[in-house]
Protein backbone atom coordinates (compact mmCIF):
# COMPACT_ATOMS: atom_id res chain seq x y z
CA MET A 1 -95.76 -40.42 -113.18
CA VAL A 2 -95.87 -39.96 -109.52
CA TYR A 3 -92.15 -40.70 -109.52
CA ALA A 4 -91.48 -37.96 -112.03
CA GLU A 5 -93.35 -35.41 -110.01
CA VAL A 6 -91.55 -36.34 -106.85
CA SER A 7 -88.16 -36.07 -108.55
CA LEU A 8 -88.99 -32.73 -110.08
CA MET A 9 -90.10 -31.39 -106.68
CA GLY A 10 -86.88 -32.59 -105.06
CA LEU A 11 -84.88 -30.87 -107.76
CA TRP A 12 -86.64 -27.57 -107.16
CA ILE A 13 -86.10 -27.87 -103.49
CA ALA A 14 -82.39 -28.49 -104.04
CA LEU A 15 -82.10 -25.56 -106.40
CA ALA A 16 -83.89 -23.35 -103.90
CA ALA A 17 -81.55 -24.43 -101.14
CA VAL A 18 -78.48 -23.71 -103.29
CA GLY A 19 -79.86 -20.35 -104.30
CA GLY A 20 -80.53 -19.49 -100.65
CA ILE A 21 -76.99 -20.39 -99.72
CA ILE A 22 -75.55 -18.30 -102.52
CA LEU A 23 -77.81 -15.37 -101.64
CA GLY A 24 -76.82 -15.61 -97.93
CA ALA A 25 -73.14 -15.72 -98.81
CA GLY A 26 -73.51 -12.69 -101.02
CA ILE A 27 -75.31 -10.73 -98.35
CA ILE A 28 -72.60 -11.62 -95.79
CA PHE A 29 -69.83 -10.60 -98.20
CA LEU A 30 -71.60 -7.30 -98.94
CA VAL A 31 -71.96 -6.55 -95.24
CA LEU A 32 -68.30 -7.35 -94.60
CA PHE A 33 -67.22 -5.19 -97.54
CA LEU A 34 -69.23 -2.24 -96.31
CA LYS A 35 -67.79 -2.57 -92.77
CA SER A 36 -64.28 -2.79 -94.12
CA ARG A 37 -64.66 0.42 -96.11
CA HIS A 38 -66.00 2.17 -93.03
CA GLN A 39 -63.06 0.99 -90.93
CA VAL A 40 -60.56 2.11 -93.59
CA LYS A 41 -62.11 5.57 -93.69
CA LYS A 42 -62.00 5.73 -89.87
CA ALA A 43 -58.37 4.63 -89.78
CA ASN A 44 -57.40 7.18 -92.40
CA LYS A 45 -59.05 9.91 -90.37
CA ILE A 46 -57.15 8.81 -87.20
CA ILE A 47 -53.89 8.81 -89.16
CA ARG A 48 -54.52 12.33 -90.49
CA ASP A 49 -55.35 13.59 -86.96
CA ALA A 50 -52.17 11.98 -85.58
CA GLU A 51 -50.05 13.56 -88.32
CA ILE A 52 -51.52 16.97 -87.54
CA LYS A 53 -50.80 16.54 -83.78
CA ALA A 54 -47.28 15.32 -84.51
CA GLU A 55 -46.62 18.43 -86.60
CA HIS A 56 -47.86 20.63 -83.75
CA ILE A 57 -45.73 18.74 -81.17
CA ALA A 58 -42.62 18.97 -83.35
CA LYS A 59 -43.10 22.71 -83.85
CA ASN A 60 -43.59 23.24 -80.10
CA ALA A 61 -40.51 21.12 -79.35
CA GLN A 62 -38.43 23.19 -81.74
CA ILE A 63 -39.62 26.37 -80.09
CA ASP A 64 -38.86 24.97 -76.56
CA ALA A 65 -35.43 23.77 -77.63
CA LYS A 66 -34.53 27.17 -79.04
CA ARG A 67 -35.72 28.84 -75.85
CA ALA A 68 -33.67 26.37 -73.65
CA VAL A 69 -30.55 26.89 -75.75
CA GLN A 70 -30.96 30.63 -75.41
CA GLU A 71 -31.35 30.39 -71.63
CA ALA A 72 -28.29 28.12 -71.35
CA GLU A 73 -26.24 30.56 -73.39
CA ASN A 74 -27.35 33.39 -71.13
CA ARG A 75 -26.41 31.42 -67.97
CA ALA A 76 -23.06 30.45 -69.41
CA ASP A 77 -22.32 34.10 -70.18
CA ARG A 78 -23.18 35.12 -66.65
CA ASP A 79 -21.00 32.31 -65.16
CA ILE A 80 -18.08 33.29 -67.37
CA LYS A 81 -18.34 36.91 -66.26
CA GLU A 82 -18.47 35.89 -62.57
CA ARG A 83 -15.47 33.55 -62.96
CA LYS A 84 -13.50 36.27 -64.69
CA GLN A 85 -14.24 38.62 -61.79
CA GLU A 86 -13.16 35.98 -59.24
CA VAL A 87 -9.95 35.26 -61.15
CA ALA A 88 -9.19 38.96 -61.29
CA ALA A 89 -9.74 39.29 -57.53
CA LEU A 90 -7.45 36.28 -56.85
CA GLU A 91 -4.77 37.71 -59.10
CA ASN A 92 -5.04 40.92 -57.13
CA LYS A 93 -4.56 39.07 -53.81
CA LEU A 94 -1.62 37.05 -55.16
CA PHE A 95 0.04 40.20 -56.35
CA GLN A 96 -0.38 41.81 -52.93
CA ARG A 97 0.98 38.65 -51.20
CA GLU A 98 4.00 38.62 -53.49
CA GLN A 99 4.69 42.21 -52.54
CA ASN A 100 4.35 41.37 -48.81
CA ILE A 101 6.68 38.37 -49.22
CA ASP A 102 9.23 40.52 -50.97
CA ARG A 103 9.10 43.05 -48.13
CA ARG A 104 9.44 40.27 -45.46
CA ASP A 105 12.31 38.76 -47.40
CA MET A 106 14.11 42.05 -47.29
CA GLN A 107 13.46 42.40 -43.56
CA LEU A 108 14.67 38.84 -42.85
CA THR A 109 17.80 39.46 -44.87
CA GLN A 110 18.50 42.55 -42.80
CA LYS A 111 17.90 40.66 -39.54
CA GLU A 112 20.12 37.80 -40.69
CA ASN A 113 22.92 40.22 -41.41
CA ALA A 114 22.46 41.80 -37.97
CA LEU A 115 22.53 38.34 -36.29
CA ASP A 116 25.70 37.44 -38.16
CA GLU A 117 27.33 40.57 -36.82
CA LYS A 118 26.19 39.73 -33.27
CA ASN A 119 27.49 36.17 -33.58
CA GLU A 120 30.87 37.45 -34.63
CA LYS A 121 30.93 39.76 -31.62
CA LEU A 122 29.91 36.89 -29.28
CA ASP A 123 32.62 34.64 -30.71
CA ARG A 124 35.21 37.30 -30.04
CA ARG A 125 33.91 37.73 -26.47
CA LEU A 126 33.91 33.97 -25.86
CA LYS A 127 37.50 33.76 -26.98
CA ASP A 128 38.37 36.61 -24.63
CA CYS A 129 36.49 34.85 -21.79
CA ASP A 130 38.31 31.54 -22.46
CA ARG A 131 41.65 33.33 -22.41
CA LYS A 132 40.78 35.14 -19.18
CA GLU A 133 39.45 31.90 -17.62
CA ALA A 134 42.70 30.13 -18.43
CA GLN A 135 44.65 32.97 -16.88
CA LEU A 136 42.40 32.91 -13.81
CA GLN A 137 42.75 29.13 -13.45
CA GLU A 138 46.53 29.46 -13.58
CA LYS A 139 46.39 32.03 -10.81
CA ILE A 140 44.02 29.82 -8.73
CA ASP A 141 46.29 26.80 -9.20
CA SER A 142 49.31 28.81 -8.10
CA ILE A 143 47.40 30.09 -5.05
CA ILE A 144 46.30 26.51 -4.15
CA VAL A 145 49.89 25.31 -4.40
CA GLU A 146 51.02 28.10 -2.07
CA LEU A 147 48.16 27.29 0.37
CA GLU A 148 49.06 23.58 0.37
CA LYS A 149 52.66 24.49 1.15
CA VAL A 150 51.56 26.75 4.01
CA ALA A 151 48.93 24.30 5.41
CA LYS A 152 51.06 21.19 4.74
CA MET A 153 47.84 19.45 3.51
CA SER A 154 46.55 18.53 0.03
CA THR A 155 43.23 19.81 -1.34
CA GLN A 156 41.65 16.36 -1.16
CA GLU A 157 42.75 15.92 2.46
CA ALA A 158 41.32 19.32 3.38
CA ARG A 159 38.05 18.49 1.63
CA ASP A 160 37.76 15.10 3.38
CA GLN A 161 38.47 16.67 6.76
CA LEU A 162 35.86 19.39 6.17
CA PHE A 163 33.24 16.86 5.06
CA ALA A 164 33.94 14.67 8.09
CA GLN A 165 33.45 17.61 10.45
CA VAL A 166 30.24 18.67 8.71
CA GLU A 167 28.92 15.09 8.67
CA SER A 168 29.64 14.62 12.36
CA LYS A 169 27.91 17.87 13.29
CA VAL A 170 24.91 17.36 11.00
CA SER A 171 24.50 13.70 12.06
CA LYS A 172 24.13 14.69 15.70
CA GLU A 173 21.74 17.50 14.86
CA LEU A 174 19.65 15.21 12.64
CA THR A 175 19.55 12.50 15.30
CA VAL A 176 18.39 15.00 17.95
CA TYR A 177 15.82 16.47 15.54
CA ILE A 178 14.45 13.03 14.63
CA LYS A 179 14.25 12.02 18.29
CA ASN A 180 12.37 15.20 19.21
CA LYS A 181 9.93 14.78 16.34
CA GLU A 182 9.34 11.12 17.16
CA ASP A 183 8.73 11.98 20.81
CA GLU A 184 6.18 14.61 19.78
CA ALA A 185 4.45 12.21 17.39
CA ASN A 186 4.44 9.41 19.94
CA GLU A 187 2.89 11.64 22.59
CA VAL A 188 0.05 12.56 20.23
CA ALA A 189 -0.51 9.11 18.69
CA ALA A 190 0.19 6.78 21.61
CA SER A 191 -2.98 7.45 23.56
CA LYS A 192 -5.23 7.25 20.49
CA ALA A 193 -3.53 4.09 19.19
CA GLN A 194 -3.77 2.39 22.57
CA GLU A 195 -7.41 3.32 22.84
CA ILE A 196 -8.26 1.92 19.38
CA LEU A 197 -6.19 -1.25 19.78
CA GLY A 198 -7.52 -1.88 23.28
CA LEU A 199 -11.08 -1.43 22.09
CA ALA A 200 -10.53 -3.78 19.14
CA ILE A 201 -8.95 -6.47 21.33
CA SER A 202 -11.60 -6.19 24.02
CA LYS A 203 -14.37 -6.68 21.47
CA TYR A 204 -12.94 -9.89 20.04
CA ALA A 205 -11.47 -13.09 21.45
CA GLN A 206 -11.01 -16.45 19.76
CA ASP A 207 -9.90 -19.95 20.75
CA VAL A 208 -6.69 -21.30 19.26
CA THR A 209 -5.91 -24.77 17.96
CA THR A 210 -2.52 -26.51 17.92
CA GLU A 211 -0.64 -27.06 14.69
CA ARG A 212 -0.53 -30.63 13.39
CA THR A 213 0.88 -32.32 10.33
CA VAL A 214 -0.81 -35.61 11.28
CA SER A 215 -4.36 -36.73 11.97
CA VAL A 216 -5.30 -39.57 14.29
CA VAL A 217 -8.18 -41.96 13.51
CA ALA A 218 -9.62 -43.97 16.40
CA LEU A 219 -10.36 -47.67 15.82
CA PRO A 220 -13.01 -49.75 17.58
CA SER A 221 -10.43 -52.55 18.09
CA ASP A 222 -6.94 -53.61 17.03
CA GLU A 223 -8.51 -56.26 14.79
CA MET A 224 -9.54 -53.40 12.46
CA LYS A 225 -5.85 -52.68 11.74
CA GLY A 226 -5.51 -56.02 9.94
CA ARG A 227 -8.62 -55.39 7.87
CA ILE A 228 -7.32 -51.94 6.88
CA ILE A 229 -3.95 -53.44 5.88
CA GLY A 230 -5.70 -56.21 3.90
CA ARG A 231 -4.34 -59.35 2.33
CA GLU A 232 -0.70 -58.76 1.42
CA GLY A 233 -1.26 -55.05 2.15
CA ARG A 234 -3.55 -54.37 -0.82
CA ASN A 235 -6.04 -52.24 1.15
CA ILE A 236 -3.44 -49.91 2.70
CA ARG A 237 -1.64 -49.55 -0.66
CA THR A 238 -4.93 -48.62 -2.34
CA LEU A 239 -5.68 -46.07 0.38
CA GLU A 240 -2.23 -44.45 0.16
CA GLN A 241 -2.31 -44.31 -3.68
CA ILE A 242 -5.81 -42.84 -3.93
CA LEU A 243 -5.51 -40.42 -1.01
CA GLY A 244 -1.84 -39.41 -1.44
CA VAL A 245 -1.04 -39.79 2.28
CA ASP A 246 1.06 -42.02 4.52
CA LEU A 247 -0.82 -44.35 6.88
CA ILE A 248 1.19 -45.21 9.98
CA ILE A 249 -0.01 -48.38 11.71
CA ASP A 250 2.18 -49.13 14.73
CA ASP A 251 1.85 -50.67 18.20
CA THR A 252 -0.28 -47.81 19.51
CA PRO A 253 -3.55 -49.48 20.53
CA GLU A 254 -6.72 -48.69 18.58
CA VAL A 255 -5.16 -45.78 16.63
CA ILE A 256 -4.07 -45.14 13.02
CA THR A 257 -2.00 -42.06 12.17
CA VAL A 258 -2.49 -40.20 8.87
CA SER A 259 0.60 -38.21 7.84
CA CYS A 260 0.60 -35.60 5.04
CA PHE A 261 1.66 -31.97 4.67
CA ASP A 262 -1.38 -31.23 2.48
CA PRO A 263 -4.17 -30.53 5.02
CA ILE A 264 -6.94 -31.09 2.46
CA ARG A 265 -5.71 -34.57 1.53
CA ARG A 266 -5.16 -35.36 5.21
CA GLU A 267 -8.76 -34.39 6.03
CA ILE A 268 -10.12 -36.45 3.10
CA ALA A 269 -8.10 -39.43 4.34
CA ARG A 270 -9.35 -39.05 7.92
CA ARG A 271 -13.00 -38.84 6.83
CA SER A 272 -12.63 -41.73 4.38
CA LEU A 273 -11.10 -43.98 7.04
CA GLU A 274 -13.86 -43.16 9.51
CA ALA A 275 -16.50 -43.92 6.86
CA LEU A 276 -14.81 -47.23 5.93
CA ILE A 277 -14.55 -48.28 9.58
CA LYS A 278 -18.18 -47.46 10.13
CA ASP A 279 -19.24 -49.27 6.94
CA GLY A 280 -17.12 -52.37 7.67
CA ARG A 281 -16.63 -53.33 4.00
CA ILE A 282 -12.95 -52.62 3.41
CA GLN A 283 -11.83 -53.64 -0.07
CA PRO A 284 -10.22 -51.76 -3.02
CA GLY A 285 -13.50 -51.19 -4.88
CA ARG A 286 -15.30 -49.90 -1.78
CA ILE A 287 -12.25 -47.77 -0.86
CA GLU A 288 -12.36 -45.96 -4.24
CA GLU A 289 -16.10 -45.36 -3.90
CA ILE A 290 -15.86 -44.01 -0.33
CA CYS A 291 -12.85 -41.79 -1.14
CA GLU A 292 -14.59 -40.22 -4.14
CA LYS A 293 -17.75 -39.60 -2.14
CA THR A 294 -15.75 -38.09 0.76
CA LYS A 295 -13.87 -35.79 -1.62
CA LYS A 296 -17.14 -34.39 -3.04
CA GLU A 297 -18.59 -33.96 0.48
CA LEU A 298 -15.47 -32.07 1.60
CA GLU A 299 -15.66 -29.76 -1.44
CA GLU A 300 -19.26 -28.95 -0.52
CA THR A 301 -18.22 -28.37 3.11
CA ILE A 302 -15.40 -26.05 2.02
CA HIS A 303 -17.73 -24.00 -0.19
CA LYS A 304 -20.36 -23.74 2.56
CA THR A 305 -17.68 -22.74 5.09
CA GLY A 306 -16.57 -19.87 2.84
CA GLN A 307 -20.17 -18.71 2.38
CA ASP A 308 -20.83 -18.89 6.14
CA VAL A 309 -17.73 -16.81 6.92
CA ALA A 310 -18.70 -14.14 4.37
CA PHE A 311 -22.23 -14.05 5.78
CA LYS A 312 -20.95 -13.88 9.36
CA LEU A 313 -18.72 -10.90 8.56
CA GLY A 314 -21.39 -9.24 6.41
CA LEU A 315 -19.26 -9.13 3.25
CA PRO A 316 -21.31 -9.00 0.03
CA ARG A 317 -20.31 -9.79 -3.56
CA ILE A 318 -17.24 -12.01 -3.03
CA ASN A 319 -16.52 -14.31 -5.97
CA PRO A 320 -17.85 -17.83 -5.12
CA GLN A 321 -14.62 -19.44 -6.36
CA LEU A 322 -12.62 -17.17 -4.05
CA LEU A 323 -14.88 -18.24 -1.16
CA ASP A 324 -13.79 -21.84 -1.85
CA TYR A 325 -10.20 -20.78 -1.10
CA VAL A 326 -11.43 -19.09 2.11
CA GLY A 327 -13.09 -22.38 3.15
CA ARG A 328 -9.84 -24.29 2.54
CA LEU A 329 -8.18 -22.18 5.26
CA LYS A 330 -10.23 -24.13 7.81
CA TYR A 331 -7.84 -27.07 7.34
CA ARG A 332 -4.62 -24.99 7.35
CA THR A 333 -2.64 -24.01 10.46
CA SER A 334 0.35 -21.70 11.02
CA TYR A 335 2.47 -21.90 14.17
CA GLY A 336 -0.40 -23.80 15.80
CA GLN A 337 -3.01 -21.14 14.86
CA ASN A 338 -5.90 -22.09 12.58
CA ALA A 339 -5.61 -20.01 9.40
CA LEU A 340 -9.37 -19.47 9.00
CA ASP A 341 -9.87 -18.45 12.64
CA HIS A 342 -6.84 -16.15 12.32
CA SER A 343 -8.28 -14.55 9.14
CA ILE A 344 -11.68 -14.02 10.77
CA GLU A 345 -9.97 -12.51 13.81
CA VAL A 346 -7.88 -10.14 11.65
CA ALA A 347 -10.98 -9.14 9.67
CA THR A 348 -12.90 -8.37 12.86
CA LEU A 349 -10.05 -6.37 14.43
CA ALA A 350 -9.39 -4.43 11.22
CA GLY A 351 -13.11 -3.67 10.85
CA ILE A 352 -13.35 -2.35 14.43
CA MET A 353 -10.28 -0.12 13.98
CA ALA A 354 -11.58 1.13 10.61
CA ALA A 355 -14.91 2.04 12.20
CA GLU A 356 -13.11 3.97 14.94
CA LEU A 357 -11.14 5.91 12.30
CA GLY A 358 -14.19 6.61 10.10
CA LEU A 359 -13.03 4.35 7.24
CA ASP A 360 -14.93 1.77 5.17
CA GLN A 361 -15.53 -1.01 7.69
CA ASN A 362 -16.61 -3.65 5.13
CA LEU A 363 -13.56 -2.98 2.96
CA ALA A 364 -11.26 -3.36 5.99
CA LYS A 365 -12.99 -6.66 6.91
CA ARG A 366 -12.63 -7.88 3.32
CA ALA A 367 -8.91 -7.08 3.29
CA GLY A 368 -8.43 -8.72 6.71
CA LEU A 369 -10.26 -11.89 5.68
CA LEU A 370 -8.27 -12.29 2.44
CA HIS A 371 -4.83 -11.20 3.72
CA ASP A 372 -3.67 -14.83 4.15
CA ILE A 373 -5.71 -16.34 1.29
CA GLY A 374 -2.44 -17.53 -0.30
CA LYS A 375 -2.04 -20.06 2.52
CA SER A 376 -4.92 -22.06 1.01
CA VAL A 377 -2.69 -23.05 -1.94
CA ASP A 378 0.91 -22.54 -0.74
CA PHE A 379 1.30 -26.25 0.06
CA GLU A 380 0.52 -27.22 -3.56
CA THR A 381 1.88 -24.23 -5.58
CA ASP A 382 5.35 -22.68 -5.63
CA GLY A 383 5.70 -19.19 -4.17
CA SER A 384 5.14 -17.43 -0.85
CA HIS A 385 1.62 -17.08 0.51
CA VAL A 386 1.88 -13.29 -0.07
CA GLU A 387 2.60 -13.70 -3.80
CA LEU A 388 -0.04 -16.43 -4.22
CA GLY A 389 -2.65 -14.40 -2.30
CA ALA A 390 -2.07 -11.27 -4.41
CA ARG A 391 -2.31 -13.40 -7.55
CA LEU A 392 -5.66 -14.87 -6.45
CA ALA A 393 -7.05 -11.45 -5.50
CA LYS A 394 -6.11 -10.01 -8.90
CA LYS A 395 -7.54 -13.05 -10.68
CA TYR A 396 -10.95 -12.67 -9.04
CA GLY A 397 -11.15 -8.86 -9.40
CA GLU A 398 -10.61 -7.71 -5.80
CA PRO A 399 -10.15 -3.93 -5.17
CA GLU A 400 -6.69 -2.36 -5.17
CA VAL A 401 -6.93 -1.78 -1.40
CA VAL A 402 -7.36 -5.52 -0.76
CA ILE A 403 -4.48 -6.45 -3.09
CA ASN A 404 -2.16 -3.92 -1.42
CA ALA A 405 -3.18 -5.17 2.05
CA ILE A 406 -2.26 -8.73 1.02
CA GLU A 407 1.09 -7.66 -0.47
CA SER A 408 2.09 -5.37 2.41
CA HIS A 409 0.91 -7.23 5.54
CA HIS A 410 4.44 -8.69 6.00
CA GLY A 411 6.22 -5.56 4.70
CA ASP A 412 7.10 -7.05 1.28
CA VAL A 413 5.81 -3.89 -0.45
CA PRO A 414 4.97 -0.45 1.00
CA ALA A 415 1.43 0.08 2.32
CA LYS A 416 -0.39 2.56 0.06
CA PHE A 417 -3.65 2.79 2.04
CA VAL A 418 -4.58 3.29 5.69
CA ILE A 419 -6.58 0.03 5.58
CA SER A 420 -3.38 -1.81 4.62
CA ASN A 421 -1.75 -0.52 7.82
CA LEU A 422 -4.81 -1.58 9.84
CA VAL A 423 -4.63 -5.12 8.41
CA GLN A 424 -0.92 -5.26 9.25
CA ALA A 425 -1.65 -4.15 12.84
CA ALA A 426 -4.55 -6.60 13.20
CA ASP A 427 -2.40 -9.44 11.84
CA THR A 428 0.28 -8.62 14.42
CA LEU A 429 -2.29 -8.47 17.23
CA SER A 430 -3.81 -11.81 16.27
CA ALA A 431 -0.44 -13.57 15.92
CA ALA A 432 1.43 -12.03 18.86
CA ARG A 433 -1.10 -12.30 21.65
CA PRO A 434 -0.18 -14.91 24.30
CA GLY A 435 -1.27 -18.43 23.37
CA ALA A 436 -2.06 -17.59 19.78
CA ARG A 437 0.83 -19.50 18.25
CA SER A 438 3.16 -22.28 19.26
CA GLU A 439 6.79 -22.43 18.17
CA MET A 440 9.38 -25.18 18.05
CA LEU A 441 12.03 -24.92 20.78
CA GLU A 442 14.87 -25.08 18.26
CA ASN A 443 13.53 -22.14 16.22
CA TYR A 444 12.88 -20.21 19.43
CA ILE A 445 16.48 -20.62 20.64
CA LYS A 446 17.89 -19.72 17.22
CA ARG A 447 15.80 -16.55 17.14
CA LEU A 448 17.06 -15.44 20.58
CA GLU A 449 20.67 -16.18 19.61
CA LYS A 450 20.30 -14.19 16.40
CA LEU A 451 18.92 -11.19 18.30
CA GLU A 452 21.83 -11.15 20.73
CA GLU A 453 24.30 -11.70 17.87
CA ILE A 454 23.03 -8.59 16.06
CA CYS A 455 23.40 -6.50 19.22
CA ASN A 456 26.87 -7.78 20.10
CA SER A 457 28.17 -7.00 16.60
CA TYR A 458 28.45 -3.29 17.56
CA GLU A 459 31.68 -2.32 19.30
CA GLU A 460 29.88 0.08 21.66
CA VAL A 461 27.83 -2.85 23.13
CA TYR A 462 29.31 -4.87 25.97
CA GLN A 463 26.22 -6.91 26.93
CA SER A 464 22.72 -7.67 25.57
CA TYR A 465 19.71 -9.68 26.77
CA ALA A 466 16.67 -11.06 24.90
CA LEU A 467 13.71 -10.98 27.30
CA GLN A 468 9.99 -11.86 27.28
CA SER A 469 10.35 -14.72 24.77
CA GLY A 470 12.32 -12.53 22.42
CA ARG A 471 9.79 -9.69 22.37
CA GLU A 472 12.11 -7.27 24.22
CA LEU A 473 15.81 -6.62 23.69
CA ARG A 474 17.92 -4.78 26.27
CA VAL A 475 21.30 -3.53 25.09
CA MET A 476 23.99 -2.30 27.51
CA VAL A 477 26.52 0.12 25.97
CA MET A 478 29.85 1.52 27.18
CA PRO A 479 29.26 5.15 28.22
CA ASP A 480 32.75 6.32 27.29
CA LYS A 481 32.35 5.18 23.65
CA ILE A 482 28.88 6.54 22.91
CA ASP A 483 26.81 9.51 24.07
CA ASP A 484 23.05 9.81 24.62
CA THR A 485 22.38 10.89 21.03
CA GLY A 486 24.48 8.01 19.71
CA ALA A 487 22.51 5.59 21.91
CA PHE A 488 19.31 6.69 20.26
CA LYS A 489 20.87 6.20 16.80
CA LEU A 490 22.17 2.74 17.83
CA ALA A 491 18.65 1.66 18.84
CA ARG A 492 17.37 2.65 15.38
CA ASP A 493 20.23 0.81 13.64
CA ILE A 494 19.55 -2.40 15.62
CA LYS A 495 15.82 -2.11 14.87
CA ASP A 496 16.51 -1.72 11.14
CA ARG A 497 18.82 -4.76 11.09
CA ILE A 498 16.29 -6.93 12.93
CA GLU A 499 13.58 -5.99 10.44
CA ALA A 500 15.87 -6.65 7.46
CA GLU A 501 17.53 -9.90 8.60
CA MET A 502 14.97 -11.76 10.73
CA THR A 503 11.49 -13.26 10.53
CA TYR A 504 9.50 -13.17 13.76
CA PRO A 505 5.91 -12.97 15.01
CA GLY A 506 4.68 -9.77 16.65
CA GLN A 507 6.95 -6.89 17.65
CA ILE A 508 10.38 -6.61 19.28
CA LYS A 509 11.13 -3.70 21.60
CA VAL A 510 14.77 -2.49 21.54
CA SER A 511 16.02 -0.67 24.64
CA VAL A 512 19.56 0.79 24.65
CA ILE A 513 20.80 1.51 28.20
CA ARG A 514 23.72 3.89 28.80
CA GLU A 515 24.87 4.41 32.37
CA TYR A 516 27.87 6.51 33.40
CA ARG A 517 29.42 6.01 36.82
CA ALA A 518 32.06 8.31 38.35
CA ILE A 519 34.13 6.31 40.90
CA GLU A 520 36.88 7.62 43.21
CA THR A 521 38.67 5.82 46.04
CA ALA A 522 39.59 7.65 49.27
CA LYS A 523 42.88 6.59 50.78
């Protein structure tokens, strides 16, 4: 019984739960249905509003399009009218130009016809002139033939005789004129030149060294000679191969002679030998080490020497590599004169003269210092020291004045600047002063013989003398074969030949002496 009641209650509860679920589902469905209808109505309203707006927009667009088309048509009409007006104006101008061209064509045709007529007239006149010229030439030829018969001389002979007379007369007049002008110039310039040169020389003096192609190394004892030669001569062979010099070991006590025409290699060899002698360890390995070290030390010395010279002369902004070449001049000599001392002397003299003349003193010093820079490489490179020096100056960007001074200091090219002339004068002063240079006796005798040979080659000369170590030349001429004016011309001719055919230090003075003696004997 109790079971039946419990089961019945459970059934009712189940039915109630199912009914609740069904009722809830129905309510939810009803709510969703109502919301859906509301959304559909809202959407339909939005669609109707959009359709109405679209109709309005389309109508407005049609109206705007019609208005734009109308405006474009109006603009096109205006442009067409303007273009038509422009075309009409251009047609007008073209028509006027065609008329002008037609008128010019007519005028040109008329002028062409007139020119043709003038050309015909000129041709006729030219023919007449040619005929008359031929007739005139025939008459002239006949007259010349008659004159030759009368004068008993051809036209060419008469012309040569006339030219010879004119040349003789003009030559004397020109010689006298040149002599007078030179005398006037010398009177004005001599005093000033002497003053400037004397001042430059008095402000500078320098010691001179003797030229050598060998260096002598002193030894502490003769036993050191054997150590330098080494076993079977291996040490001396190593030294000569590495240094590129000849070592002369003879009977002279405690002395070794280093022979080489390259002054840089000779100096490296001398220093290396002194270092080896001082060190005492003389063997091939040590020789290579000492020689390499000496070479580096000499390069540093050369560079410092160039810098010191530039600083001493007050020359700024010289290329450091060019200063190395300046330092190499310290080990180069010319006719017994040290090349670096000579360059410093020329720079100083040129600077003093430039200051006296109001020129750039530093530029003159620069040109004087570098005028012989080619001598730093002329023993290892083909070419004269002038060519090599100019090449180095151009390579390192030196001014045109310096390059011209280098090229012209021996007269190889003309001097373009006053400073070039100053460097040439300073170079002559430094080289020609007494004691500056030594010269081999053989070359000295040959130079004197050549001077006298040039003088004696002239038929007017009967005797000549080279005096003052070849710095003065006295020429005696025959007075009956040459006059005073001719003597002056002869001196110039001899001077020109000496300059063209000879190489010599300093200057050579040429004096032509003409003496006429009238002698009678009383009986």
